[in-house]
Amino acid sequence: MKKKIVFYIDNLAYHFEVDEELEKEMTMFLQKGINIDVKDLLAAYVRKSQECLALKTEVSKISAKLPKI
């Protein structure tokens, strides 16, 4: 089910229609309904990038253990 969310970044409203699961991911590091600045947006991006890099590293380690076909 699509859900409409709004982020206020530097006093501008950005509207998105997303699935509930994606909303949880997007609001993990960004609060909705309040004004955030670009610094907060960049910090959230860096934290999410760190999560993705950790996951990529873990998948690579697991893949390396699998037999080659």
C-alpha atoms as a PDB file:
ATOM      1  CA  MET A   1       0.000   0.000   0.000  1.00  0.00           C
ATOM      2  CA  LYS A   2       1.363   3.414  -0.971  1.00  0.00           C
ATOM      3  CA  LYS A   3       1.632   6.061   1.687  1.00  0.00           C
ATOM      4  CA  LYS A   4       2.255   9.779   1.235  1.00  0.00           C
ATOM      5  CA  ILE A   5       5.055  11.266   3.334  1.00  0.00           C
ATOM      6  CA  VAL A   6       6.433  14.797   3.459  1.00  0.00           C
ATOM      7  CA  PHE A   7       9.932  15.926   4.326  1.00  0.00           C
ATOM      8  CA  TYR A   8      10.674  19.595   4.961  1.00  0.00           C
ATOM      9  CA  ILE A   9      14.225  20.394   3.908  1.00  0.00           C
ATOM     10  CA  ASP A  10      15.426  23.980   4.219  1.00  0.00           C
ATOM     11  CA  ASN A  11      11.809  25.128   4.528  1.00  0.00           C
ATOM     12  CA  LEU A  12      10.721  23.435   1.292  1.00  0.00           C
ATOM     13  CA  ALA A  13       8.232  20.566   1.294  1.00  0.00           C
ATOM     14  CA  TYR A  14       9.072  17.379  -0.603  1.00  0.00           C
ATOM     15  CA  HIS A  15       6.188  14.925  -1.072  1.00  0.00           C
ATOM     16  CA  PHE A  16       6.721  11.227  -1.795  1.00  0.00           C
ATOM     17  CA  GLU A  17       4.440   8.247  -2.247  1.00  0.00           C
ATOM     18  CA  VAL A  18       6.207   5.167  -0.930  1.00  0.00           C
ATOM     19  CA  ASP A  19       5.487   1.688   0.364  1.00  0.00           C
ATOM     20  CA  GLU A  20       5.265   1.307   4.136  1.00  0.00           C
ATOM     21  CA  GLU A  21       8.518  -0.651   4.255  1.00  0.00           C
ATOM     22  CA  LEU A  22      10.382   2.089   2.394  1.00  0.00           C
ATOM     23  CA  GLU A  23       8.849   4.703   4.686  1.00  0.00           C
ATOM     24  CA  LYS A  24      10.365   2.916   7.683  1.00  0.00           C
ATOM     25  CA  GLU A  25      13.765   2.982   6.007  1.00  0.00           C
ATOM     26  CA  MET A  26      13.474   6.645   4.999  1.00  0.00           C
ATOM     27  CA  THR A  27      12.377   7.796   8.443  1.00  0.00           C
ATOM     28  CA  MET A  28      15.023   5.804  10.282  1.00  0.00           C
ATOM     29  CA  PHE A  29      17.445   8.732  10.138  1.00  0.00           C
ATOM     30  CA  LEU A  30      15.176  11.574   8.954  1.00  0.00           C
ATOM     31  CA  GLN A  31      12.260  12.952  10.911  1.00  0.00           C
ATOM     32  CA  LYS A  32       9.190  13.810   8.925  1.00  0.00           C
ATOM     33  CA  GLY A  33       6.927  16.727   9.692  1.00  0.00           C
ATOM     34  CA  ILE A  34       9.693  19.025  10.927  1.00  0.00           C
ATOM     35  CA  ASN A  35      12.160  21.209   9.049  1.00  0.00           C
ATOM     36  CA  ILE A  36      15.602  19.686   8.610  1.00  0.00           C
ATOM     37  CA  ASP A  37      18.618  21.316   7.052  1.00  0.00           C
ATOM     38  CA  VAL A  38      20.974  19.993   4.410  1.00  0.00           C
ATOM     39  CA  LYS A  39      23.520  19.057   7.101  1.00  0.00           C
ATOM     40  CA  ASP A  40      21.000  16.649   8.675  1.00  0.00           C
ATOM     41  CA  LEU A  41      20.128  15.251   5.258  1.00  0.00           C
ATOM     42  CA  LEU A  42      23.800  14.635   4.479  1.00  0.00           C
ATOM     43  CA  ALA A  43      24.340  13.003   7.898  1.00  0.00           C
ATOM     44  CA  ALA A  44      21.416  10.638   7.239  1.00  0.00           C
ATOM     45  CA  TYR A  45      22.864   9.782   3.825  1.00  0.00           C
ATOM     46  CA  VAL A  46      26.262   8.997   5.368  1.00  0.00           C
ATOM     47  CA  ARG A  47      24.711   6.760   8.057  1.00  0.00           C
ATOM     48  CA  LYS A  48      22.658   4.876   5.452  1.00  0.00           C
ATOM     49  CA  SER A  49      25.723   4.532   3.220  1.00  0.00           C
ATOM     50  CA  GLN A  50      27.652   3.036   6.138  1.00  0.00           C
ATOM     51  CA  GLU A  51      24.875   0.483   6.631  1.00  0.00           C
ATOM     52  CA  CYS A  52      24.940  -0.428   2.932  1.00  0.00           C
ATOM     53  CA  LEU A  53      28.722  -0.768   2.930  1.00  0.00           C
ATOM     54  CA  ALA A  54      28.614  -3.043   5.996  1.00  0.00           C
ATOM     55  CA  LEU A  55      25.962  -5.199   4.306  1.00  0.00           C
ATOM     56  CA  LYS A  56      27.981  -5.335   1.071  1.00  0.00           C
ATOM     57  CA  THR A  57      31.081  -6.399   2.999  1.00  0.00           C
ATOM     58  CA  GLU A  58      29.149  -9.111   4.823  1.00  0.00           C
ATOM     59  CA  VAL A  59      27.660 -10.449   1.573  1.00  0.00           C
ATOM     60  CA  SER A  60      31.130 -10.487  -0.019  1.00  0.00           C
ATOM     61  CA  LYS A  61      32.514 -12.506   2.910  1.00  0.00           C
ATOM     62  CA  ILE A  62      29.671 -15.018   2.637  1.00  0.00           C
ATOM     63  CA  SER A  63      30.017 -15.212  -1.159  1.00  0.00           C
ATOM     64  CA  ALA A  64      33.728 -15.909  -0.844  1.00  0.00           C
ATOM     65  CA  LYS A  65      32.955 -18.972   1.285  1.00  0.00           C
ATOM     66  CA  LEU A  66      30.637 -20.462  -1.344  1.00  0.00           C
ATOM     67  CA  PRO A  67      32.127 -23.043  -3.713  1.00  0.00           C
ATOM     68  CA  LYS A  68      32.982 -21.806  -7.206  1.00  0.00           C
ATOM     69  CA  ILE A  69      30.843 -23.265  -9.998  1.00  0.00           C
END
